[in-house]
Protein backbone atom coordinates (compact mmCIF):
# COMPACT_ATOMS: atom_id res chain seq x y z
CA UNK A 1 0.00 -0.03 0.00
CA UNK A 2 1.22 3.48 -0.80
CA UNK A 3 1.34 5.89 2.13
CA UNK A 4 -0.21 9.26 1.38
CA UNK A 5 0.06 11.97 4.00
CA UNK A 6 -1.19 14.92 1.99
CA UNK A 7 -3.50 15.31 -1.02
CA UNK A 8 -3.21 18.35 -3.23
CA UNK A 9 -5.66 19.42 -5.92
CA UNK A 10 -4.44 21.53 -8.87
CA UNK A 11 -7.13 23.87 -10.12
CA UNK A 12 -5.74 24.41 -13.61
CA UNK A 13 -6.39 21.67 -16.18
CA UNK A 14 -3.77 19.24 -17.42
CA UNK A 15 -3.52 17.69 -20.89
CA UNK A 16 -4.40 14.03 -20.28
CA UNK A 17 -1.84 12.94 -22.87
CA UNK A 18 0.85 14.01 -20.40
CA UNK A 19 3.08 11.25 -19.11
CA UNK A 20 4.82 10.99 -15.74
CA UNK A 21 7.62 13.42 -16.62
CA UNK A 22 5.23 16.11 -17.88
CA UNK A 23 2.94 15.61 -14.87
CA UNK A 24 5.95 15.81 -12.52
CA UNK A 25 7.08 19.06 -14.23
CA UNK A 26 3.58 20.49 -13.70
CA UNK A 27 3.65 19.45 -10.00
CA UNK A 28 6.95 21.33 -9.58
CA UNK A 29 5.58 24.34 -11.43
CA UNK A 30 2.27 24.50 -9.46
CA UNK A 31 3.35 23.20 -6.03
CA UNK A 32 7.03 24.14 -5.93
CA UNK A 33 8.19 20.57 -5.44
CA UNK A 34 7.02 16.96 -5.32
CA UNK A 35 7.20 15.98 -1.66
CA UNK A 36 7.36 12.34 -0.53
CA UNK A 37 4.06 10.72 0.51
CA UNK A 38 2.02 13.35 -1.25
CA UNK A 39 -0.61 12.92 -4.04
CA UNK A 40 -1.18 15.62 -6.64
CA UNK A 41 -4.48 15.61 -8.57
CA UNK A 42 -5.13 17.09 -12.01
CA UNK A 43 -8.18 17.09 -14.27
CA UNK A 44 -8.67 17.87 -17.96
CA UNK A 45 -10.70 20.86 -19.15
CA UNK A 46 -13.91 18.87 -19.38
CA UNK A 47 -13.32 17.44 -15.87
CA UNK A 48 -14.27 13.94 -16.95
CA UNK A 49 -10.70 12.58 -16.60
CA UNK A 50 -8.28 12.79 -13.67
CA UNK A 51 -4.61 12.01 -13.28
CA UNK A 52 -2.95 11.53 -9.88
CA UNK A 53 0.79 11.75 -9.37
CA UNK A 54 2.03 10.17 -6.17
CA UNK A 55 5.56 10.46 -4.77
CA UNK A 56 6.05 7.41 -2.56
CA UNK A 57 9.45 8.40 -1.28
CA UNK A 58 11.34 6.30 -3.81
CA UNK A 59 9.72 7.09 -7.10
CA UNK A 60 6.69 8.44 -8.92
CA UNK A 61 3.33 6.72 -9.54
CA UNK A 62 0.98 8.06 -12.19
CA UNK A 63 -2.67 6.95 -11.98
CA UNK A 64 -5.65 7.82 -14.21
CA UNK A 65 -9.41 7.80 -13.70
CA UNK A 66 -12.14 8.48 -16.20
CA UNK A 67 -15.86 9.01 -15.80
CA UNK A 68 -17.95 7.70 -18.70
CA UNK A 69 -20.90 9.90 -17.64
CA UNK A 70 -20.85 13.15 -15.71
CA UNK A 71 -17.76 14.97 -14.52
CA UNK A 72 -15.60 15.48 -11.50
CA UNK A 73 -16.53 18.39 -9.27
CA UNK A 74 -13.31 20.35 -9.60
CA UNK A 75 -12.25 23.47 -7.73
CA UNK A 76 -12.43 26.90 -9.32
CA UNK A 77 -9.09 28.33 -10.43
CA UNK A 78 -9.97 31.79 -9.11
CA UNK A 79 -9.80 30.57 -5.52
CA UNK A 80 -6.20 29.33 -5.52
CA UNK A 81 -3.81 27.53 -7.86
CA UNK A 82 -3.94 24.48 -5.52
CA UNK A 83 -6.02 23.19 -2.60
CA UNK A 84 -5.40 20.59 0.13
CA UNK A 85 -7.98 17.79 0.38
CA UNK A 86 -8.83 15.37 3.23
CA UNK A 87 -9.15 11.61 2.66
CA UNK A 88 -12.94 11.93 2.82
CA UNK A 89 -12.92 14.66 0.22
CA UNK A 90 -10.62 12.62 -2.09
CA UNK A 91 -13.01 9.68 -1.78
CA UNK A 92 -15.98 11.86 -2.80
CA UNK A 93 -14.05 13.48 -5.65
CA UNK A 94 -12.94 10.17 -7.19
CA UNK A 95 -16.54 8.96 -7.11
CA UNK A 96 -17.74 12.09 -8.93
CA UNK A 97 -19.52 13.50 -5.83
CA UNK A 98 -19.40 17.17 -4.66
CA UNK A 99 -16.35 16.89 -2.34
CA UNK A 100 -16.64 20.56 -1.31
CA UNK A 101 -19.50 19.56 1.01
CA UNK A 102 -17.64 16.83 2.83
CA UNK A 103 -15.96 17.36 6.21
CA UNK A 104 -15.64 20.81 7.80
CA UNK A 105 -16.98 22.55 4.71
CA UNK A 106 -20.27 20.64 4.95
CA UNK A 107 -21.08 21.52 8.59
CA UNK A 108 -24.48 23.16 9.00
CA UNK A 109 -24.43 25.58 11.93
CA UNK A 110 -27.29 28.00 11.26
CA UNK A 111 -30.87 27.27 10.22
């Protein structure tokens, strides 16, 4: 099992033809560096495909996910170039659910 301590979401789209070297270059460009035990998520412009680059401390893993119907609920680029996600938010995002409502962001405090 790959240990992941932090999950980062890039808000700008990535060309899904990109391989591991191009994705790693984008991680360095957007996040400053690729830190061990971190996952970096990218989507295409249509938000129906996702690539995840994971640095496991020894090397790089590149994973892909595609939705046949619908799209991933991606973050808006005007908020920040990158966002940190919790494990629960990642789980919701990968399933195509609105991850922004999971965890602290989904707490209802006023009726």
